[in-house]
C-alpha atoms as a PDB file:
ATOM      1  CA  MET A   1      90.722-124.360  99.252  1.00  0.00           C
ATOM      2  CA  ILE A   2      87.281-125.264 100.546  1.00  0.00           C
ATOM      3  CA  SER A   3      85.849-128.677 101.219  1.00  0.00           C
ATOM      4  CA  LEU A   4      82.487-129.727  99.814  1.00  0.00           C
ATOM      5  CA  ALA A   5      79.874-132.128 101.100  1.00  0.00           C
ATOM      6  CA  GLN A   6      77.134-132.934  98.606  1.00  0.00           C
ATOM      7  CA  GLY A   7      73.676-134.316  99.300  1.00  0.00           C
ATOM      8  CA  THR A   8      73.006-134.169 103.030  1.00  0.00           C
ATOM      9  CA  THR A   9      74.225-131.836 105.732  1.00  0.00           C
ATOM     10  CA  CYS A  10      73.944-131.712 109.501  1.00  0.00           C
ATOM     11  CA  HIS A  11      73.934-128.896 111.990  1.00  0.00           C
ATOM     12  CA  ARG A  12      77.487-128.249 113.206  1.00  0.00           C
ATOM     13  CA  ARG A  13      76.579-128.982 116.843  1.00  0.00           C
ATOM     14  CA  GLU A  14      75.776-132.605 116.012  1.00  0.00           C
ATOM     15  CA  SER A  15      78.657-134.987 116.600  1.00  0.00           C
ATOM     16  CA  ALA A  16      79.687-137.478 113.923  1.00  0.00           C
ATOM     17  CA  ARG A  17      78.101-140.218 116.042  1.00  0.00           C
ATOM     18  CA  ASP A  18      74.741-138.433 115.865  1.00  0.00           C
ATOM     19  CA  MET A  19      74.777-137.633 112.136  1.00  0.00           C
ATOM     20  CA  THR A  20      72.443-140.454 111.165  1.00  0.00           C
ATOM     21  CA  THR A  21      69.680-139.013 113.323  1.00  0.00           C
ATOM     22  CA  ALA A  22      70.377-135.310 112.764  1.00  0.00           C
ATOM     23  CA  SER A  23      68.042-133.021 110.848  1.00  0.00           C
ATOM     24  CA  ARG A  24      69.071-133.191 107.202  1.00  0.00           C
ATOM     25  CA  THR A  25      68.587-131.091 104.074  1.00  0.00           C
ATOM     26  CA  SER A  26      69.684-131.482 100.457  1.00  0.00           C
ATOM     27  CA  GLY A  27      72.379-129.238  99.055  1.00  0.00           C
ATOM     28  CA  THR A  28      76.099-128.612  99.217  1.00  0.00           C
ATOM     29  CA  THR A  29      77.820-127.663 102.446  1.00  0.00           C
ATOM     30  CA  LEU A  30      80.954-125.509 102.134  1.00  0.00           C
ATOM     31  CA  GLU A  31      83.668-125.602 104.759  1.00  0.00           C
ATOM     32  CA  THR A  32      86.544-123.152 105.223  1.00  0.00           C
ATOM     33  CA  ALA A  33      89.194-122.776 107.912  1.00  0.00           C
ATOM     34  CA  ARG A  34      86.797-121.100 110.339  1.00  0.00           C
ATOM     35  CA  LEU A  35      83.348-121.501 108.858  1.00  0.00           C
ATOM     36  CA  ARG A  36      80.796-124.091 107.826  1.00  0.00           C
ATOM     37  CA  LEU A  37      78.138-122.990 105.333  1.00  0.00           C
ATOM     38  CA  GLU A  38      75.027-125.186 105.447  1.00  0.00           C
ATOM     39  CA  PRO A  39      72.050-124.894 103.076  1.00  0.00           C
ATOM     40  CA  PHE A  40      69.096-123.239 104.776  1.00  0.00           C
ATOM     41  CA  ALA A  41      67.110-125.707 106.890  1.00  0.00           C
ATOM     42  CA  LEU A  42      64.094-125.309 109.135  1.00  0.00           C
ATOM     43  CA  ALA A  43      66.379-126.169 112.055  1.00  0.00           C
ATOM     44  CA  HIS A  44      68.115-122.838 111.389  1.00  0.00           C
ATOM     45  CA  ALA A  45      64.912-120.792 111.683  1.00  0.00           C
ATOM     46  CA  GLY A  46      65.591-119.449 115.169  1.00  0.00           C
ATOM     47  CA  ALA A  47      69.094-118.259 114.334  1.00  0.00           C
ATOM     48  CA  LEU A  48      68.045-116.767 110.999  1.00  0.00           C
ATOM     49  CA  SER A  49      65.110-115.020 112.643  1.00  0.00           C
ATOM     50  CA  LEU A  50      67.531-113.293 115.031  1.00  0.00           C
ATOM     51  CA  MET A  51      69.075-111.637 111.985  1.00  0.00           C
ATOM     52  CA  ASP A  52      65.790-110.983 110.198  1.00  0.00           C
ATOM     53  CA  SER A  53      64.450-109.194 113.274  1.00  0.00           C
ATOM     54  CA  ASP A  54      67.603-107.139 113.914  1.00  0.00           C
ATOM     55  CA  PRO A  55      67.405-103.594 112.439  1.00  0.00           C
ATOM     56  CA  ALA A  56      71.213-103.382 112.342  1.00  0.00           C
ATOM     57  CA  VAL A  57      71.427-106.473 110.126  1.00  0.00           C
ATOM     58  CA  MET A  58      68.483-105.503 107.906  1.00  0.00           C
ATOM     59  CA  ARG A  59      69.481-101.868 107.448  1.00  0.00           C
ATOM     60  CA  PHE A  60      70.775-102.274 103.905  1.00  0.00           C
ATOM     61  CA  ILE A  61      68.569-105.214 102.849  1.00  0.00           C
ATOM     62  CA  GLY A  62      65.555-104.223 100.768  1.00  0.00           C
ATOM     63  CA  ASP A  63      63.724-101.374 102.457  1.00  0.00           C
ATOM     64  CA  GLY A  64      65.336-102.152 105.792  1.00  0.00           C
ATOM     65  CA  SER A  65      62.224-103.741 107.289  1.00  0.00           C
ATOM     66  CA  THR A  66      62.609-106.487 109.870  1.00  0.00           C
ATOM     67  CA  LYS A  67      60.714-109.782 109.575  1.00  0.00           C
ATOM     68  CA  PRO A  68      58.835-111.954 112.076  1.00  0.00           C
ATOM     69  CA  LEU A  69      59.621-115.642 112.555  1.00  0.00           C
ATOM     70  CA  ASP A  70      56.796-116.855 110.302  1.00  0.00           C
ATOM     71  CA  GLU A  71      58.239-114.903 107.363  1.00  0.00           C
ATOM     72  CA  THR A  72      61.680-116.362 108.035  1.00  0.00           C
ATOM     73  CA  ILE A  73      60.228-119.885 107.982  1.00  0.00           C
ATOM     74  CA  ALA A  74      58.387-119.169 104.721  1.00  0.00           C
ATOM     75  CA  ALA A  75      61.615-117.865 103.191  1.00  0.00           C
ATOM     76  CA  ILE A  76      63.513-120.987 104.267  1.00  0.00           C
ATOM     77  CA  LYS A  77      60.933-123.165 102.500  1.00  0.00           C
ATOM     78  CA  ARG A  78      61.225-121.116  99.298  1.00  0.00           C
ATOM     79  CA  ILE A  79      64.990-121.346  99.440  1.00  0.00           C
ATOM     80  CA  GLN A  80      64.879-125.111  99.984  1.00  0.00           C
ATOM     81  CA  ASP A  81      62.834-125.336  96.779  1.00  0.00           C
ATOM     82  CA  ARG A  82      65.537-123.373  94.949  1.00  0.00           C
ATOM     83  CA  TRP A  83      68.214-125.713  96.273  1.00  0.00           C
ATOM     84  CA  GLU A  84      66.246-128.671  94.898  1.00  0.00           C
ATOM     85  CA  ARG A  85      65.653-126.978  91.540  1.00  0.00           C
ATOM     86  CA  LEU A  86      68.947-125.175  90.957  1.00  0.00           C
ATOM     87  CA  GLY A  87      71.577-126.726  93.207  1.00  0.00           C
ATOM     88  CA  TYR A  88      72.472-123.401  94.863  1.00  0.00           C
ATOM     89  CA  SER A  89      70.831-120.685  96.953  1.00  0.00           C
ATOM     90  CA  TRP A  90      71.329-119.523 100.577  1.00  0.00           C
ATOM     91  CA  TRP A  91      73.569-120.965 103.276  1.00  0.00           C
ATOM     92  CA  THR A  92      73.535-120.413 107.025  1.00  0.00           C
ATOM     93  CA  ILE A  93      77.051-119.530 108.190  1.00  0.00           C
ATOM     94  CA  PHE A  94      78.272-121.342 111.303  1.00  0.00           C
ATOM     95  CA  GLU A  95      81.410-120.484 113.224  1.00  0.00           C
ATOM     96  CA  LYS A  96      83.204-123.825 113.494  1.00  0.00           C
ATOM     97  CA  SER A  97      84.866-123.130 116.830  1.00  0.00           C
ATOM     98  CA  SER A  98      81.590-122.436 118.651  1.00  0.00           C
ATOM     99  CA  GLY A  99      78.934-124.054 116.441  1.00  0.00           C
ATOM    100  CA  THR A 100      77.059-120.734 116.503  1.00  0.00           C
ATOM    101  CA  ALA A 101      75.105-119.447 113.496  1.00  0.00           C
ATOM    102  CA  ILE A 102      76.648-116.061 112.768  1.00  0.00           C
ATOM    103  CA  GLY A 103      75.237-115.135 109.385  1.00  0.00           C
ATOM    104  CA  ALA A 104      73.940-116.125 105.986  1.00  0.00           C
ATOM    105  CA  ALA A 105      75.323-116.021 102.461  1.00  0.00           C
ATOM    106  CA  CYS A 106      74.072-116.807  98.978  1.00  0.00           C
ATOM    107  CA  LEU A 107      74.651-117.691  95.385  1.00  0.00           C
ATOM    108  CA  GLN A 108      71.450-116.816  93.556  1.00  0.00           C
ATOM    109  CA  HIS A 109      70.085-115.149  90.452  1.00  0.00           C
ATOM    110  CA  LEU A 110      69.826-111.393  90.731  1.00  0.00           C
ATOM    111  CA  GLU A 111      66.362-110.404  91.995  1.00  0.00           C
ATOM    112  CA  ASN A 112      65.559-114.155  92.123  1.00  0.00           C
ATOM    113  CA  MET A 113      64.862-114.194  88.378  1.00  0.00           C
ATOM    114  CA  ASP A 114      66.389-117.209  86.630  1.00  0.00           C
ATOM    115  CA  GLU A 115      67.157-115.251  83.451  1.00  0.00           C
ATOM    116  CA  LYS A 116      69.338-112.749  85.340  1.00  0.00           C
ATOM    117  CA  PRO A 117      73.049-113.115  86.225  1.00  0.00           C
ATOM    118  CA  LEU A 118      74.242-114.909  89.325  1.00  0.00           C
ATOM    119  CA  GLU A 119      75.085-112.852  92.371  1.00  0.00           C
ATOM    120  CA  ILE A 120      76.771-113.557  95.670  1.00  0.00           C
ATOM    121  CA  GLY A 121      75.730-111.947  98.941  1.00  0.00           C
ATOM    122  CA  TRP A 122      76.138-112.137 102.705  1.00  0.00           C
ATOM    123  CA  ARG A 123      74.952-110.744 106.020  1.00  0.00           C
ATOM    124  CA  LEU A 124      76.372-111.207 109.490  1.00  0.00           C
ATOM    125  CA  ARG A 125      75.195-110.679 113.030  1.00  0.00           C
ATOM    126  CA  PRO A 126      76.785-107.495 114.456  1.00  0.00           C
ATOM    127  CA  ALA A 127      78.993-109.371 116.933  1.00  0.00           C
ATOM    128  CA  SER A 128      80.556-111.329 114.062  1.00  0.00           C
ATOM    129  CA  GLN A 129      81.338-108.381 111.811  1.00  0.00           C
ATOM    130  CA  GLY A 130      84.847-107.061 111.358  1.00  0.00           C
ATOM    131  CA  LYS A 131      86.489-110.490 111.684  1.00  0.00           C
ATOM    132  CA  GLY A 132      86.911-111.341 108.003  1.00  0.00           C
ATOM    133  CA  TYR A 133      84.063-113.856 108.023  1.00  0.00           C
ATOM    134  CA  ALA A 134      82.202-112.252 105.095  1.00  0.00           C
ATOM    135  CA  THR A 135      85.337-112.351 102.967  1.00  0.00           C
ATOM    136  CA  GLU A 136      86.026-115.948 103.948  1.00  0.00           C
ATOM    137  CA  ALA A 137      82.482-117.031 103.103  1.00  0.00           C
ATOM    138  CA  GLY A 138      82.528-115.010  99.897  1.00  0.00           C
ATOM    139  CA  ARG A 139      85.698-116.713  98.676  1.00  0.00           C
ATOM    140  CA  ALA A 140      84.168-120.128  99.294  1.00  0.00           C
ATOM    141  CA  ILE A 141      81.038-119.194  97.355  1.00  0.00           C
ATOM    142  CA  ILE A 142      83.024-117.736  94.455  1.00  0.00           C
ATOM    143  CA  GLU A 143      85.031-120.952  94.229  1.00  0.00           C
ATOM    144  CA  PHE A 144      81.790-122.959  94.322  1.00  0.00           C
ATOM    145  CA  GLY A 145      80.150-120.756  91.687  1.00  0.00           C
ATOM    146  CA  PHE A 146      83.045-120.990  89.255  1.00  0.00           C
ATOM    147  CA  GLY A 147      84.287-124.482  90.034  1.00  0.00           C
ATOM    148  CA  LYS A 148      81.069-126.402  90.626  1.00  0.00           C
ATOM    149  CA  ILE A 149      78.254-124.400  89.026  1.00  0.00           C
ATOM    150  CA  GLY A 150      80.315-123.293  86.022  1.00  0.00           C
ATOM    151  CA  ALA A 151      79.459-119.601  86.180  1.00  0.00           C
ATOM    152  CA  ASN A 152      81.475-117.303  83.896  1.00  0.00           C
ATOM    153  CA  SER A 153      81.007-114.241  86.081  1.00  0.00           C
ATOM    154  CA  LEU A 154      79.427-113.317  89.408  1.00  0.00           C
ATOM    155  CA  LEU A 155      77.959-110.051  90.606  1.00  0.00           C
ATOM    156  CA  ALA A 156      77.507-108.513  94.028  1.00  0.00           C
ATOM    157  CA  VAL A 157      75.208-105.579  94.744  1.00  0.00           C
ATOM    158  CA  THR A 158      74.655-103.383  97.755  1.00  0.00           C
ATOM    159  CA  ASN A 159      73.318-100.043  98.924  1.00  0.00           C
ATOM    160  CA  PRO A 160      75.829 -97.294  98.067  1.00  0.00           C
ATOM    161  CA  GLU A 161      76.042 -96.408 101.779  1.00  0.00           C
ATOM    162  CA  ASN A 162      77.020 -99.947 102.804  1.00  0.00           C
ATOM    163  CA  VAL A 163      80.745 -99.266 103.027  1.00  0.00           C
ATOM    164  CA  ARG A 164      81.546-102.519 104.871  1.00  0.00           C
ATOM    165  CA  SER A 165      80.018-104.662 102.135  1.00  0.00           C
ATOM    166  CA  ARG A 166      81.752-102.690  99.389  1.00  0.00           C
ATOM    167  CA  LYS A 167      85.101-103.300 101.088  1.00  0.00           C
ATOM    168  CA  VAL A 168      84.385-107.033 101.204  1.00  0.00           C
ATOM    169  CA  MET A 169      83.698-106.987  97.456  1.00  0.00           C
ATOM    170  CA  GLU A 170      87.020-105.256  96.871  1.00  0.00           C
ATOM    171  CA  ARG A 171      88.883-107.735  99.093  1.00  0.00           C
ATOM    172  CA  LEU A 172      87.348-110.550  97.043  1.00  0.00           C
ATOM    173  CA  GLY A 173      88.963-109.072  93.933  1.00  0.00           C
ATOM    174  CA  MET A 174      85.697-107.817  92.480  1.00  0.00           C
ATOM    175  CA  THR A 175      85.666-104.813  90.147  1.00  0.00           C
ATOM    176  CA  PHE A 176      83.262-101.891  90.423  1.00  0.00           C
ATOM    177  CA  ARG A 177      80.878-101.942  87.422  1.00  0.00           C
ATOM    178  CA  GLY A 178      78.673 -98.975  88.195  1.00  0.00           C
ATOM    179  CA  THR A 179      75.467 -97.875  89.859  1.00  0.00           C
ATOM    180  CA  GLU A 180      72.301 -99.676  88.755  1.00  0.00           C
ATOM    181  CA  THR A 181      68.762-100.318  89.941  1.00  0.00           C
ATOM    182  CA  HIS A 182      68.077-103.770  91.412  1.00  0.00           C
ATOM    183  CA  TYR A 183      65.531-104.982  93.954  1.00  0.00           C
ATOM    184  CA  GLY A 184      63.717-101.691  93.441  1.00  0.00           C
ATOM    185  CA  GLN A 185      66.573 -99.559  94.734  1.00  0.00           C
ATOM    186  CA  THR A 186      69.819 -97.944  93.659  1.00  0.00           C
ATOM    187  CA  CYS A 187      72.770-100.311  94.088  1.00  0.00           C
ATOM    188  CA  VAL A 188      76.480-100.294  93.466  1.00  0.00           C
ATOM    189  CA  VAL A 189      77.443-103.325  91.399  1.00  0.00           C
ATOM    190  CA  PHE A 190      80.707-105.263  91.520  1.00  0.00           C
ATOM    191  CA  VAL A 191      81.698-108.117  89.204  1.00  0.00           C
ATOM    192  CA  ILE A 192      84.287-110.889  89.123  1.00  0.00           C
ATOM    193  CA  GLU A 193      85.166-113.048  86.123  1.00  0.00           C
ATOM    194  CA  ARG A 194      85.854-116.773  85.887  1.00  0.00           C
ATOM    195  CA  ASP A 195      89.638-116.367  85.748  1.00  0.00           C
ATOM    196  CA  TRP A 196      89.577-115.409  89.453  1.00  0.00           C
ATOM    197  CA  PRO A 197      92.520-117.155  91.185  1.00  0.00           C
ATOM    198  CA  THR A 198      91.316-120.069  93.352  1.00  0.00           C
END
């Protein structure tokens, strides 16, 4: 099971004593055995920019282009608006043992269009791949999507060549639905229904 903290969240490196003065953002924080998922905040910009500017991380995202810091900051602000409006969007993934930001994950509408189905997604810094973190974060987000948001089904999409991500989808119990076009490119699509075991 995951633990939830609604309303305000603090960067993992802040001690409990410092929480009243820490940088705060609205949203729901998810916590697993090894990870803490915090809604995107401007305080995360540096860590998120490390991923956005890393070709290895961005290889299968959109057209593979990297982004400068100013674009990362603009994206954080857009995502904070979605958190306020929808109650879900993107989280920064922190490794609890070190307090280090190691990735990002989401629950959002496909192609960011409110009329489209909900999807889950993730990306990790190269040093944090292969440790089961994507699966662990994905399970927490699935539980949140079904248990708190009330979704009936969730999708995940990726480039057909992204074998690592496809394996995560399979480990999460998702079923291959087919090959479709999303975000302007060919994607493999996996789906999971609400009766997923929590």
